[in-house]
Every structure is written in C-alpha cells, then in structure tokens.
Amino acid sequence: MMDLGIILIKDRGQQMESRISKRKTYLVEIMYYENHNTEVTTITTDNINWSMSEYQRNRKAFQWEILDWKQEIDERQLQDQREIDA
C-alpha cells in the first residue's frame, strides 16, 4: 500500500513536468504609449498573456508583440525576422 504523501508528491511532480514541457521562450517587442520607445526582451513562460500582465505591473502603459518563439529546450537563437527581411 502506498503512502498518500508519496502519491501526492508523484502527482505534483507530473504536473510540474507537464507545465515545464509547455514552457516556451518568446522574443517580445514592447512599445510604450507615452513616448513610443521600444525595447525587445526575452521571456520564458508557459502562459505569455499572464506573464505580460505581470510584466506590465509598475510600468508605463505599453503594447507588446511576439517577434519569435521556440520551445524552451530548443537550442536555436530567437530572431527578429523584421530586421532580416527588411
């Protein structure tokens, strides 16, 4: 008979493994409304909308756009395709 604590730990481990496997790394451009300054940042998350809401906290209002993304385990470099194509 298995201890309930061990079952819960195994279940939690599977949940964490599943969540980690869903994580992606995003190249995000942020443009601030106030002065139209832009910055590009990299964010690794399993929920980009939530992460960007958190990123917005304590900052001036901005809009954001995903420039590129990859699975977290992917080794390739993220690139802003707009610069390459222009």
PDB file of N, CA and C in Angstrom:
ATOM      1  N   MET A   1       0.843  -1.183   0.000  1.00  0.00           N
ATOM      2  CA  MET A   1       0.000   0.000   0.000  1.00  0.00           C
ATOM      3  C   MET A   1       0.886   1.244   0.000  1.00  0.00           C
ATOM      4  N   MET A   2       0.580   2.186  -0.881  1.00  0.00           N
ATOM      5  CA  MET A   2       1.370   3.407  -0.988  1.00  0.00           C
ATOM      6  C   MET A   2       0.884   4.468  -0.021  1.00  0.00           C
ATOM      7  N   ASP A   3       1.820   5.190   0.514  1.00  0.00           N
ATOM      8  CA  ASP A   3       1.510   6.304   1.394  1.00  0.00           C
ATOM      9  C   ASP A   3       0.870   7.426   0.570  1.00  0.00           C
ATOM     10  N   LEU A   4      -0.166   8.067   1.087  1.00  0.00           N
ATOM     11  CA  LEU A   4      -0.861   9.144   0.383  1.00  0.00           C
ATOM     12  C   LEU A   4       0.088  10.294   0.067  1.00  0.00           C
ATOM     13  N   GLY A   5       1.029  10.581   0.949  1.00  0.00           N
ATOM     14  CA  GLY A   5       2.009  11.645   0.712  1.00  0.00           C
ATOM     15  C   GLY A   5       2.859  11.372  -0.515  1.00  0.00           C
ATOM     16  N   ILE A   6       3.244  10.113  -0.711  1.00  0.00           N
ATOM     17  CA  ILE A   6       4.048   9.739  -1.879  1.00  0.00           C
ATOM     18  C   ILE A   6       3.235   9.905  -3.152  1.00  0.00           C
ATOM     19  N   ILE A   7       1.960   9.522  -3.100  1.00  0.00           N
ATOM     20  CA  ILE A   7       1.088   9.682  -4.267  1.00  0.00           C
ATOM     21  C   ILE A   7       0.955  11.156  -4.629  1.00  0.00           C
ATOM     22  N   LEU A   8       0.740  11.996  -3.639  1.00  0.00           N
ATOM     23  CA  LEU A   8       0.597  13.429  -3.883  1.00  0.00           C
ATOM     24  C   LEU A   8       1.876  14.024  -4.452  1.00  0.00           C
ATOM     25  N   ILE A   9       3.021  13.606  -3.948  1.00  0.00           N
ATOM     26  CA  ILE A   9       4.307  14.099  -4.457  1.00  0.00           C
ATOM     27  C   ILE A   9       4.500  13.655  -5.900  1.00  0.00           C
ATOM     28  N   LYS A  10       4.175  12.409  -6.215  1.00  0.00           N
ATOM     29  CA  LYS A  10       4.304  11.923  -7.592  1.00  0.00           C
ATOM     30  C   LYS A  10       3.381  12.705  -8.521  1.00  0.00           C
ATOM     31  N   ASP A  11       2.140  12.938  -8.084  1.00  0.00           N
ATOM     32  CA  ASP A  11       1.179  13.682  -8.893  1.00  0.00           C
ATOM     33  C   ASP A  11       1.669  15.111  -9.111  1.00  0.00           C
ATOM     34  N   ARG A  12       2.174  15.728  -8.082  1.00  0.00           N
ATOM     35  CA  ARG A  12       2.702  17.100  -8.198  1.00  0.00           C
ATOM     36  C   ARG A  12       3.898  17.129  -9.147  1.00  0.00           C
ATOM     37  N   GLY A  13       4.735  16.111  -9.089  1.00  0.00           N
ATOM     38  CA  GLY A  13       5.881  16.021  -9.982  1.00  0.00           C
ATOM     39  C   GLY A  13       5.454  15.909 -11.434  1.00  0.00           C
ATOM     40  N   GLN A  14       4.402  15.136 -11.694  1.00  0.00           N
ATOM     41  CA  GLN A  14       3.889  15.003 -13.057  1.00  0.00           C
ATOM     42  C   GLN A  14       3.297  16.319 -13.535  1.00  0.00           C
ATOM     43  N   GLN A  15       2.603  17.036 -12.657  1.00  0.00           N
ATOM     44  CA  GLN A  15       2.034  18.332 -13.020  1.00  0.00           C
ATOM     45  C   GLN A  15       3.141  19.311 -13.371  1.00  0.00           C
ATOM     46  N   MET A  16       4.196  19.342 -12.569  1.00  0.00           N
ATOM     47  CA  MET A  16       5.310  20.255 -12.823  1.00  0.00           C
ATOM     48  C   MET A  16       6.021  19.884 -14.120  1.00  0.00           C
ATOM     49  N   GLU A  17       6.211  18.586 -14.366  1.00  0.00           N
ATOM     50  CA  GLU A  17       6.867  18.143 -15.592  1.00  0.00           C
ATOM     51  C   GLU A  17       6.031  18.539 -16.804  1.00  0.00           C
ATOM     52  N   SER A  18       4.724  18.381 -16.703  1.00  0.00           N
ATOM     53  CA  SER A  18       3.827  18.756 -17.792  1.00  0.00           C
ATOM     54  C   SER A  18       3.889  20.266 -18.040  1.00  0.00           C
ATOM     55  N   ARG A  19       3.904  21.038 -16.977  1.00  0.00           N
ATOM     56  CA  ARG A  19       3.951  22.500 -17.103  1.00  0.00           C
ATOM     57  C   ARG A  19       5.275  22.951 -17.705  1.00  0.00           C
ATOM     58  N   ILE A  20       6.368  22.347 -17.296  1.00  0.00           N
ATOM     59  CA  ILE A  20       7.684  22.694 -17.828  1.00  0.00           C
ATOM     60  C   ILE A  20       7.764  22.347 -19.303  1.00  0.00           C
ATOM     61  N   SER A  21       7.185  21.225 -19.699  1.00  0.00           N
ATOM     62  CA  SER A  21       7.243  20.838 -21.106  1.00  0.00           C
ATOM     63  C   SER A  21       6.450  21.796 -21.998  1.00  0.00           C
ATOM     64  N   LYS A  22       5.536  22.568 -21.423  1.00  0.00           N
ATOM     65  CA  LYS A  22       4.747  23.538 -22.185  1.00  0.00           C
ATOM     66  C   LYS A  22       5.423  24.906 -22.264  1.00  0.00           C
ATOM     67  N   ARG A  23       6.498  25.100 -21.527  1.00  0.00           N
ATOM     68  CA  ARG A  23       7.151  26.407 -21.498  1.00  0.00           C
ATOM     69  C   ARG A  23       7.794  26.724 -22.834  1.00  0.00           C
ATOM     70  N   LYS A  24       7.650  27.990 -23.215  1.00  0.00           N
ATOM     71  CA  LYS A  24       8.255  28.485 -24.443  1.00  0.00           C
ATOM     72  C   LYS A  24       9.057  29.732 -24.112  1.00  0.00           C
ATOM     73  N   THR A  25      10.029  30.012 -24.954  1.00  0.00           N
ATOM     74  CA  THR A  25      10.802  31.235 -24.823  1.00  0.00           C
ATOM     75  C   THR A  25      10.361  32.162 -25.942  1.00  0.00           C
ATOM     76  N   TYR A  26       9.984  33.371 -25.579  1.00  0.00           N
ATOM     77  CA  TYR A  26       9.452  34.341 -26.525  1.00  0.00           C
ATOM     78  C   TYR A  26      10.393  35.529 -26.654  1.00  0.00           C
ATOM     79  N   LEU A  27      10.526  36.030 -27.865  1.00  0.00           N
ATOM     80  CA  LEU A  27      11.188  37.300 -28.134  1.00  0.00           C
ATOM     81  C   LEU A  27      10.048  38.298 -28.300  1.00  0.00           C
ATOM     82  N   VAL A  28       9.973  39.271 -27.396  1.00  0.00           N
ATOM     83  CA  VAL A  28       8.828  40.175 -27.343  1.00  0.00           C
ATOM     84  C   VAL A  28       9.293  41.616 -27.524  1.00  0.00           C
ATOM     85  N   GLU A  29       8.604  42.340 -28.413  1.00  0.00           N
ATOM     86  CA  GLU A  29       8.858  43.769 -28.561  1.00  0.00           C
ATOM     87  C   GLU A  29       7.813  44.517 -27.743  1.00  0.00           C
ATOM     88  N   ILE A  30       8.281  45.477 -26.970  1.00  0.00           N
ATOM     89  CA  ILE A  30       7.407  46.303 -26.135  1.00  0.00           C
ATOM     90  C   ILE A  30       7.513  47.740 -26.628  1.00  0.00           C
ATOM     91  N   MET A  31       6.350  48.369 -26.880  1.00  0.00           N
ATOM     92  CA  MET A  31       6.344  49.773 -27.262  1.00  0.00           C
ATOM     93  C   MET A  31       5.510  50.545 -26.241  1.00  0.00           C
ATOM     94  N   TYR A  32       6.155  51.520 -25.605  1.00  0.00           N
ATOM     95  CA  TYR A  32       5.480  52.333 -24.599  1.00  0.00           C
ATOM     96  C   TYR A  32       4.639  53.400 -25.279  1.00  0.00           C
ATOM     97  N   TYR A  33       3.380  53.535 -24.851  1.00  0.00           N
ATOM     98  CA  TYR A  33       2.462  54.505 -25.443  1.00  0.00           C
ATOM     99  C   TYR A  33       2.946  55.945 -25.259  1.00  0.00           C
ATOM    100  N   GLU A  34       3.493  56.230 -24.090  1.00  0.00           N
ATOM    101  CA  GLU A  34       3.850  57.601 -23.707  1.00  0.00           C
ATOM    102  C   GLU A  34       4.835  58.255 -24.686  1.00  0.00           C
ATOM    103  N   ASN A  35       5.881  57.548 -25.061  1.00  0.00           N
ATOM    104  CA  ASN A  35       6.926  58.163 -25.884  1.00  0.00           C
ATOM    105  C   ASN A  35       7.288  57.331 -27.120  1.00  0.00           C
ATOM    106  N   HIS A  36       6.588  56.230 -27.324  1.00  0.00           N
ATOM    107  CA  HIS A  36       6.809  55.332 -28.467  1.00  0.00           C
ATOM    108  C   HIS A  36       8.194  54.689 -28.483  1.00  0.00           C
ATOM    109  N   ASN A  37       8.899  54.717 -27.351  1.00  0.00           N
ATOM    110  CA  ASN A  37      10.160  53.984 -27.243  1.00  0.00           C
ATOM    111  C   ASN A  37       9.859  52.499 -27.274  1.00  0.00           C
ATOM    112  N   THR A  38      10.777  51.739 -27.877  1.00  0.00           N
ATOM    113  CA  THR A  38      10.593  50.289 -27.927  1.00  0.00           C
ATOM    114  C   THR A  38      11.777  49.600 -27.275  1.00  0.00           C
ATOM    115  N   GLU A  39      11.506  48.408 -26.802  1.00  0.00           N
ATOM    116  CA  GLU A  39      12.559  47.539 -26.288  1.00  0.00           C
ATOM    117  C   GLU A  39      12.184  46.107 -26.651  1.00  0.00           C
ATOM    118  N   VAL A  40      13.178  45.263 -26.763  1.00  0.00           N
ATOM    119  CA  VAL A  40      12.959  43.853 -27.060  1.00  0.00           C
ATOM    120  C   VAL A  40      13.492  43.058 -25.876  1.00  0.00           C
ATOM    121  N   THR A  41      12.681  42.126 -25.407  1.00  0.00           N
ATOM    122  CA  THR A  41      13.069  41.321 -24.263  1.00  0.00           C
ATOM    123  C   THR A  41      12.737  39.855 -24.528  1.00  0.00           C
ATOM    124  N   THR A  42      13.348  38.967 -23.775  1.00  0.00           N
ATOM    125  CA  THR A  42      13.099  37.531 -23.882  1.00  0.00           C
ATOM    126  C   THR A  42      12.415  37.068 -22.607  1.00  0.00           C
ATOM    127  N   ILE A  43      11.342  36.317 -22.765  1.00  0.00           N
ATOM    128  CA  ILE A  43      10.577  35.819 -21.624  1.00  0.00           C
ATOM    129  C   ILE A  43      10.322  34.331 -21.832  1.00  0.00           C
ATOM    130  N   THR A  44      10.581  33.527 -20.800  1.00  0.00           N
ATOM    131  CA  THR A  44      10.290  32.098 -20.840  1.00  0.00           C
ATOM    132  C   THR A  44       9.125  31.829 -19.898  1.00  0.00           C
ATOM    133  N   THR A  45       8.060  31.252 -20.452  1.00  0.00           N
ATOM    134  CA  THR A  45       6.841  31.056 -19.672  1.00  0.00           C
ATOM    135  C   THR A  45       5.966  29.986 -20.310  1.00  0.00           C
ATOM    136  N   ASP A  46       5.005  29.500 -19.552  1.00  0.00           N
ATOM    137  CA  ASP A  46       4.003  28.596 -20.113  1.00  0.00           C
ATOM    138  C   ASP A  46       2.696  29.338 -20.394  1.00  0.00           C
ATOM    139  N   ASN A  47       2.652  30.649 -20.067  1.00  0.00           N
ATOM    140  CA  ASN A  47       1.462  31.455 -20.307  1.00  0.00           C
ATOM    141  C   ASN A  47       1.900  32.892 -20.600  1.00  0.00           C
ATOM    142  N   ILE A  48       2.094  33.218 -21.865  1.00  0.00           N
ATOM    143  CA  ILE A  48       2.629  34.528 -22.242  1.00  0.00           C
ATOM    144  C   ILE A  48       1.691  35.668 -21.845  1.00  0.00           C
ATOM    145  N   ASN A  49       0.386  35.478 -21.966  1.00  0.00           N
ATOM    146  CA  ASN A  49      -0.549  36.553 -21.607  1.00  0.00           C
ATOM    147  C   ASN A  49      -0.453  36.901 -20.127  1.00  0.00           C
ATOM    148  N   TRP A  50      -0.413  35.906 -19.273  1.00  0.00           N
ATOM    149  CA  TRP A  50      -0.279  36.145 -17.842  1.00  0.00           C
ATOM    150  C   TRP A  50       1.070  36.801 -17.536  1.00  0.00           C
ATOM    151  N   SER A  51       2.120  36.298 -18.154  1.00  0.00           N
ATOM    152  CA  SER A  51       3.456  36.842 -17.908  1.00  0.00           C
ATOM    153  C   SER A  51       3.548  38.309 -18.323  1.00  0.00           C
ATOM    154  N   MET A  52       2.943  38.648 -19.443  1.00  0.00           N
ATOM    155  CA  MET A  52       2.983  40.039 -19.890  1.00  0.00           C
ATOM    156  C   MET A  52       2.135  40.935 -18.990  1.00  0.00           C
ATOM    157  N   SER A  53       1.053  40.407 -18.446  1.00  0.00           N
ATOM    158  CA  SER A  53       0.266  41.173 -17.462  1.00  0.00           C
ATOM    159  C   SER A  53       1.108  41.464 -16.225  1.00  0.00           C
ATOM    160  N   GLU A  54       1.860  40.469 -15.788  1.00  0.00           N
ATOM    161  CA  GLU A  54       2.745  40.672 -14.637  1.00  0.00           C
ATOM    162  C   GLU A  54       3.875  41.632 -14.978  1.00  0.00           C
ATOM    163  N   TYR A  55       4.412  41.533 -16.186  1.00  0.00           N
ATOM    164  CA  TYR A  55       5.485  42.419 -16.629  1.00  0.00           C
ATOM    165  C   TYR A  55       4.995  43.869 -16.655  1.00  0.00           C
ATOM    166  N   GLN A  56       3.711  44.054 -16.975  1.00  0.00           N
ATOM    167  CA  GLN A  56       3.112  45.393 -17.056  1.00  0.00           C
ATOM    168  C   GLN A  56       3.076  46.091 -15.699  1.00  0.00           C
ATOM    169  N   ARG A  57       3.004  45.331 -14.642  1.00  0.00           N
ATOM    170  CA  ARG A  57       2.874  45.920 -13.309  1.00  0.00           C
ATOM    171  C   ARG A  57       4.016  46.889 -13.024  1.00  0.00           C
ATOM    172  N   ASN A  58       3.665  48.045 -12.483  1.00  0.00           N
ATOM    173  CA  ASN A  58       4.628  49.080 -12.087  1.00  0.00           C
ATOM    174  C   ASN A  58       5.429  49.626 -13.272  1.00  0.00           C
ATOM    175  N   ARG A  59       4.852  49.593 -14.456  1.00  0.00           N
ATOM    176  CA  ARG A  59       5.481  50.176 -15.639  1.00  0.00           C
ATOM    177  C   ARG A  59       4.476  51.087 -16.327  1.00  0.00           C
ATOM    178  N   LYS A  60       4.976  51.948 -17.177  1.00  0.00           N
ATOM    179  CA  LYS A  60       4.108  52.783 -18.006  1.00  0.00           C
ATOM    180  C   LYS A  60       3.334  51.881 -18.965  1.00  0.00           C
ATOM    181  N   ALA A  61       2.203  52.381 -19.446  1.00  0.00           N
ATOM    182  CA  ALA A  61       1.363  51.595 -20.360  1.00  0.00           C
ATOM    183  C   ALA A  61       2.131  51.277 -21.642  1.00  0.00           C
ATOM    184  N   PHE A  62       1.952  50.051 -22.120  1.00  0.00           N
ATOM    185  CA  PHE A  62       2.619  49.642 -23.352  1.00  0.00           C
ATOM    186  C   PHE A  62       1.782  48.617 -24.099  1.00  0.00           C
ATOM    187  N   GLN A  63       2.149  48.406 -25.343  1.00  0.00           N
ATOM    188  CA  GLN A  63       1.612  47.282 -26.111  1.00  0.00           C
ATOM    189  C   GLN A  63       2.779  46.369 -26.433  1.00  0.00           C
ATOM    190  N   TRP A  64       2.488  45.112 -26.702  1.00  0.00           N
ATOM    191  CA  TRP A  64       3.556  44.158 -26.961  1.00  0.00           C
ATOM    192  C   TRP A  64       3.207  43.263 -28.141  1.00  0.00           C
ATOM    193  N   GLU A  65       4.249  42.715 -28.738  1.00  0.00           N
ATOM    194  CA  GLU A  65       4.094  41.850 -29.894  1.00  0.00           C
ATOM    195  C   GLU A  65       5.153  40.753 -29.816  1.00  0.00           C
ATOM    196  N   ILE A  66       4.741  39.529 -30.115  1.00  0.00           N
ATOM    197  CA  ILE A  66       5.679  38.404 -30.164  1.00  0.00           C
ATOM    198  C   ILE A  66       6.402  38.450 -31.502  1.00  0.00           C
ATOM    199  N   LEU A  67       7.721  38.525 -31.456  1.00  0.00           N
ATOM    200  CA  LEU A  67       8.524  38.553 -32.672  1.00  0.00           C
ATOM    201  C   LEU A  67       8.958  37.156 -33.099  1.00  0.00           C
ATOM    202  N   ASP A  68       9.210  36.290 -32.125  1.00  0.00           N
ATOM    203  CA  ASP A  68       9.640  34.922 -32.405  1.00  0.00           C
ATOM    204  C   ASP A  68       9.426  34.115 -31.132  1.00  0.00           C
ATOM    205  N   TRP A  69       9.363  32.803 -31.264  1.00  0.00           N
ATOM    206  CA  TRP A  69       9.243  31.936 -30.098  1.00  0.00           C
ATOM    207  C   TRP A  69       9.820  30.572 -30.434  1.00  0.00           C
ATOM    208  N   LYS A  70      10.111  29.820 -29.370  1.00  0.00           N
ATOM    209  CA  LYS A  70      10.624  28.453 -29.515  1.00  0.00           C
ATOM    210  C   LYS A  70      10.284  27.676 -28.261  1.00  0.00           C
ATOM    211  N   GLN A  71      10.315  26.357 -28.361  1.00  0.00           N
ATOM    212  CA  GLN A  71      10.183  25.527 -27.169  1.00  0.00           C
ATOM    213  C   GLN A  71      11.395  25.798 -26.290  1.00  0.00           C
ATOM    214  N   GLU A  72      11.217  25.749 -24.996  1.00  0.00           N
ATOM    215  CA  GLU A  72      12.303  26.080 -24.073  1.00  0.00           C
ATOM    216  C   GLU A  72      13.547  25.230 -24.310  1.00  0.00           C
ATOM    217  N   ILE A  73      13.379  23.966 -24.672  1.00  0.00           N
ATOM    218  CA  ILE A  73      14.530  23.077 -24.853  1.00  0.00           C
ATOM    219  C   ILE A  73      15.209  23.231 -26.208  1.00  0.00           C
ATOM    220  N   ASP A  74      14.593  23.979 -27.118  1.00  0.00           N
ATOM    221  CA  ASP A  74      15.159  24.210 -28.443  1.00  0.00           C
ATOM    222  C   ASP A  74      16.427  25.053 -28.311  1.00  0.00           C
ATOM    223  N   GLU A  75      17.470  24.687 -29.034  1.00  0.00           N
ATOM    224  CA  GLU A  75      18.770  25.362 -28.924  1.00  0.00           C
ATOM    225  C   GLU A  75      18.926  26.567 -29.849  1.00  0.00           C
ATOM    226  N   ARG A  76      18.036  26.746 -30.808  1.00  0.00           N
ATOM    227  CA  ARG A  76      18.216  27.814 -31.787  1.00  0.00           C
ATOM    228  C   ARG A  76      18.102  29.196 -31.145  1.00  0.00           C
ATOM    229  N   GLN A  77      18.679  30.174 -31.797  1.00  0.00           N
ATOM    230  CA  GLN A  77      18.610  31.564 -31.336  1.00  0.00           C
ATOM    231  C   GLN A  77      17.322  32.199 -31.840  1.00  0.00           C
ATOM    232  N   LEU A  78      16.676  32.967 -30.988  1.00  0.00           N
ATOM    233  CA  LEU A  78      15.493  33.705 -31.415  1.00  0.00           C
ATOM    234  C   LEU A  78      15.929  34.880 -32.275  1.00  0.00           C
ATOM    235  N   GLN A  79      15.124  35.180 -33.302  1.00  0.00           N
ATOM    236  CA  GLN A  79      15.484  36.267 -34.210  1.00  0.00           C
ATOM    237  C   GLN A  79      14.280  37.136 -34.515  1.00  0.00           C
ATOM    238  N   ASP A  80      14.547  38.406 -34.676  1.00  0.00           N
ATOM    239  CA  ASP A  80      13.527  39.355 -35.118  1.00  0.00           C
ATOM    240  C   ASP A  80      13.519  39.306 -36.635  1.00  0.00           C
ATOM    241  N   GLN A  81      12.559  38.624 -37.215  1.00  0.00           N
ATOM    242  CA  GLN A  81      12.503  38.421 -38.665  1.00  0.00           C
ATOM    243  C   GLN A  81      12.316  39.729 -39.418  1.00  0.00           C
ATOM    244  N   ARG A  82      11.776  40.744 -38.782  1.00  0.00           N
ATOM    245  CA  ARG A  82      11.564  42.017 -39.460  1.00  0.00           C
ATOM    246  C   ARG A  82      12.898  42.629 -39.882  1.00  0.00           C
ATOM    247  N   GLU A  83      13.917  42.480 -39.064  1.00  0.00           N
ATOM    248  CA  GLU A  83      15.229  43.031 -39.402  1.00  0.00           C
ATOM    249  C   GLU A  83      15.884  42.259 -40.538  1.00  0.00           C
ATOM    250  N   ILE A  84      15.688  40.959 -40.579  1.00  0.00           N
ATOM    251  CA  ILE A  84      16.280  40.108 -41.603  1.00  0.00           C
ATOM    252  C   ILE A  84      15.624  40.355 -42.961  1.00  0.00           C
ATOM    253  N   ASP A  85      14.295  40.471 -42.957  1.00  0.00           N
ATOM    254  CA  ASP A  85      13.545  40.641 -44.190  1.00  0.00           C
ATOM    255  C   ASP A  85      13.661  42.041 -44.776  1.00  0.00           C
ATOM    256  N   ALA A  86      13.968  43.022 -43.954  1.00  0.00           N
ATOM    257  CA  ALA A  86      14.000  44.416 -44.430  1.00  0.00           C
ATOM    258  C   ALA A  86      15.220  44.717 -45.249  1.00  0.00           C
TER     259      ALA A  86
END
